[in-house]
Amino acid sequence: MMTSHYARLQKRDHKRNQYRYYLLDVQPHLFGGWSLIREWGRIGRPGQVKIELCGSLEEAARAFDGKLRQKQRRGYA
């Protein structure tokens, strides 16, 4: 059974004019491994995308959890 790893985070700070989003998603890729897909940018605008290749679902899940904790510490909710 495949577990789903997906998170959409936002950070809004009106005083600093910060309206940001951060997406995290774990997906299988065509060659049998797993990918951590990250997208970030300003809310309402297209963002940047980075794909990190991982050898296993466990490795991708660890990367997902680490990045999620890091963003939550930086004020994303």
Protein backbone atom coordinates (compact mmCIF):
# COMPACT_ATOMS: atom_id res chain seq x y z
CA MET A 1 0.00 0.00 0.00
CA MET A 2 1.32 3.43 -0.98
CA THR A 3 1.06 6.25 1.55
CA SER A 4 0.53 9.78 0.31
CA HIS A 5 2.95 12.56 1.20
CA TYR A 6 1.62 15.96 0.19
CA ALA A 7 1.68 19.34 1.94
CA ARG A 8 0.71 22.86 0.91
CA LEU A 9 2.07 25.52 3.25
CA GLN A 10 1.58 29.28 3.28
CA LYS A 11 3.31 32.17 4.96
CA ARG A 12 1.54 35.53 5.17
CA ASP A 13 3.14 38.54 6.82
CA HIS A 14 1.30 41.74 5.92
CA LYS A 15 3.84 44.04 7.58
CA ARG A 16 6.71 42.59 5.51
CA ASN A 17 4.60 42.15 2.33
CA GLN A 18 5.28 38.41 2.35
CA TYR A 19 2.69 36.18 0.71
CA ARG A 20 4.43 32.90 0.00
CA TYR A 21 3.53 29.28 -0.62
CA TYR A 22 5.49 26.05 -0.49
CA LEU A 23 4.36 22.68 -1.91
CA LEU A 24 5.87 19.30 -1.07
CA ASP A 25 4.87 16.11 -2.87
CA VAL A 26 6.34 12.60 -3.05
CA GLN A 27 5.70 10.82 -6.36
CA PRO A 28 7.05 7.71 -8.09
CA HIS A 29 9.14 8.35 -11.20
CA LEU A 30 9.42 6.32 -14.40
CA PHE A 31 12.60 4.46 -13.45
CA GLY A 32 11.32 2.74 -10.32
CA GLY A 33 12.45 5.24 -7.73
CA TRP A 34 10.77 8.11 -5.94
CA SER A 35 10.92 11.89 -6.24
CA LEU A 36 10.41 14.70 -3.77
CA ILE A 37 8.86 17.55 -5.73
CA ARG A 38 9.12 21.00 -4.20
CA GLU A 39 7.47 24.17 -5.53
CA TRP A 40 7.65 27.61 -3.96
CA GLY A 41 6.90 31.23 -4.77
CA ARG A 42 4.56 34.14 -4.22
CA ILE A 43 0.87 33.32 -3.76
CA GLY A 44 -0.97 33.88 -7.05
CA ARG A 45 2.16 33.62 -9.19
CA PRO A 46 3.91 30.68 -10.86
CA GLY A 47 6.75 29.45 -8.71
CA GLN A 48 10.00 27.59 -8.98
CA VAL A 49 10.11 23.79 -9.01
CA LYS A 50 12.85 21.45 -7.86
CA ILE A 51 12.71 17.65 -8.16
CA GLU A 52 14.96 15.57 -5.90
CA LEU A 53 15.40 11.93 -6.95
CA CYS A 54 15.38 9.36 -4.16
CA GLY A 55 16.17 5.65 -4.30
CA SER A 56 13.30 4.49 -2.11
CA LEU A 57 10.00 5.62 -0.66
CA GLU A 58 11.55 5.69 2.81
CA GLU A 59 14.33 8.03 1.65
CA ALA A 60 11.80 10.32 -0.05
CA ALA A 61 9.60 10.29 3.08
CA ARG A 62 12.59 11.28 5.27
CA ALA A 63 13.42 14.15 2.90
CA PHE A 64 9.75 15.21 2.92
CA ASP A 65 9.56 15.18 6.73
CA GLY A 66 12.82 17.10 7.11
CA LYS A 67 11.82 19.81 4.63
CA LEU A 68 8.33 20.06 6.18
CA ARG A 69 9.78 20.60 9.68
CA GLN A 70 12.25 23.18 8.33
CA LYS A 71 9.51 25.22 6.65
CA GLN A 72 7.26 25.04 9.71
CA ARG A 73 10.12 26.41 11.85
CA ARG A 74 10.39 29.32 9.39
CA GLY A 75 6.78 30.32 9.87
CA TYR A 76 4.94 28.38 7.16
CA ALA A 77 1.64 26.86 8.26
